[in-house]
Protein backbone atom coordinates (compact mmCIF):
# COMPACT_ATOMS: atom_id res chain seq x y z
CA UNK A 1 -4.51 9.86 -9.16
CA UNK A 2 -7.44 7.88 -10.41
CA UNK A 3 -10.96 8.69 -9.49
CA UNK A 4 -11.13 4.96 -8.27
CA UNK A 5 -8.53 5.79 -5.65
CA UNK A 6 -9.02 9.47 -5.20
CA UNK A 7 -12.48 9.03 -3.96
CA UNK A 8 -12.04 6.31 -1.70
CA UNK A 9 -12.53 6.37 1.88
CA UNK A 10 -9.36 5.25 3.36
CA UNK A 11 -8.04 4.36 7.25
CA UNK A 12 -5.12 5.99 6.33
CA UNK A 13 -2.55 7.53 3.76
CA UNK A 14 1.07 7.21 3.58
CA UNK A 15 3.43 9.35 1.43
CA UNK A 16 6.91 6.99 1.31
CA UNK A 17 8.64 9.20 -1.09
CA UNK A 18 11.41 7.71 -2.85
CA UNK A 19 12.19 5.14 -0.11
CA UNK A 20 13.81 1.49 -1.65
CA UNK A 21 11.61 -1.16 -1.38
CA UNK A 22 13.42 -2.72 1.52
CA UNK A 23 12.63 0.54 3.78
CA UNK A 24 9.29 0.82 2.14
CA UNK A 25 8.55 -2.98 2.90
CA UNK A 26 9.45 -2.83 6.50
CA UNK A 27 7.72 0.50 7.49
CA UNK A 28 4.24 -0.50 5.63
CA UNK A 29 4.27 -4.01 7.71
CA UNK A 30 4.14 -1.36 10.48
CA UNK A 31 1.81 1.18 9.07
CA UNK A 32 -0.43 -1.59 7.91
CA UNK A 33 -0.88 -3.52 11.13
CA UNK A 34 -1.53 -0.35 13.24
CA UNK A 35 -5.18 -0.71 11.01
CA UNK A 36 -8.10 -2.45 11.63
CA UNK A 37 -8.72 -5.52 9.64
CA UNK A 38 -10.22 -4.91 6.35
CA UNK A 39 -9.23 -1.17 6.17
CA UNK A 40 -7.51 0.33 3.38
CA UNK A 41 -4.16 2.23 2.90
CA UNK A 42 -3.76 4.95 0.08
CA UNK A 43 -0.07 4.72 -0.42
CA UNK A 44 2.25 7.06 -2.45
CA UNK A 45 5.47 5.44 -3.58
CA UNK A 46 7.96 6.80 -6.09
CA UNK A 47 10.38 3.94 -6.37
CA UNK A 48 10.64 2.29 -9.88
CA UNK A 49 10.90 -1.14 -8.05
CA UNK A 50 7.60 -0.93 -6.34
CA UNK A 51 5.37 -1.81 -8.71
CA UNK A 52 6.81 -4.82 -8.87
CA UNK A 53 7.65 -5.41 -5.73
CA UNK A 54 4.36 -4.35 -3.69
CA UNK A 55 1.77 -7.03 -5.82
CA UNK A 56 4.72 -9.79 -4.30
CA UNK A 57 4.72 -8.23 -0.64
CA UNK A 58 1.10 -8.78 -0.83
CA UNK A 59 1.13 -11.83 -1.84
CA UNK A 60 3.57 -13.12 1.16
CA UNK A 61 1.85 -11.02 3.65
CA UNK A 62 -2.25 -11.87 3.05
CA UNK A 63 -2.90 -8.39 2.09
CA UNK A 64 -4.71 -7.20 -0.75
CA UNK A 65 -3.50 -5.10 -3.40
CA UNK A 66 -6.92 -3.15 -4.69
CA UNK A 67 -5.23 -0.96 -7.02
CA UNK A 68 -2.14 0.56 -8.71
CA UNK A 69 -1.58 3.57 -10.55
CA UNK A 70 1.67 4.12 -9.72
CA UNK A 71 2.76 6.31 -7.86
CA UNK A 72 -0.84 5.46 -6.49
CA UNK A 73 -1.45 2.24 -4.42
CA UNK A 74 -4.47 0.88 -2.63
CA UNK A 75 -4.34 -1.57 -0.29
CA UNK A 76 -6.76 -3.63 2.05
CA UNK A 77 -5.28 -5.36 5.49
CA UNK A 78 -5.99 -8.74 5.32
CA UNK A 79 -8.40 -10.00 7.90
CA UNK A 80 -7.06 -12.50 10.79
């Protein structure tokens, strides 16, 4: 994990392990909704499809992918 992702203060962290993208995005939706707008979530996801699927999910939902160094990802919850 890079210094950027490791040193960034986050509101929550979730290790999704090897969950496939279908299950991952459903749980991610619930976890990111629980955060206040603008909060950061550090995600650890080892499924090989996540690096391609996560940016697309962020584009569809309005959340921001701040950093991606698989298996580590940093997301910002959108402002409502």
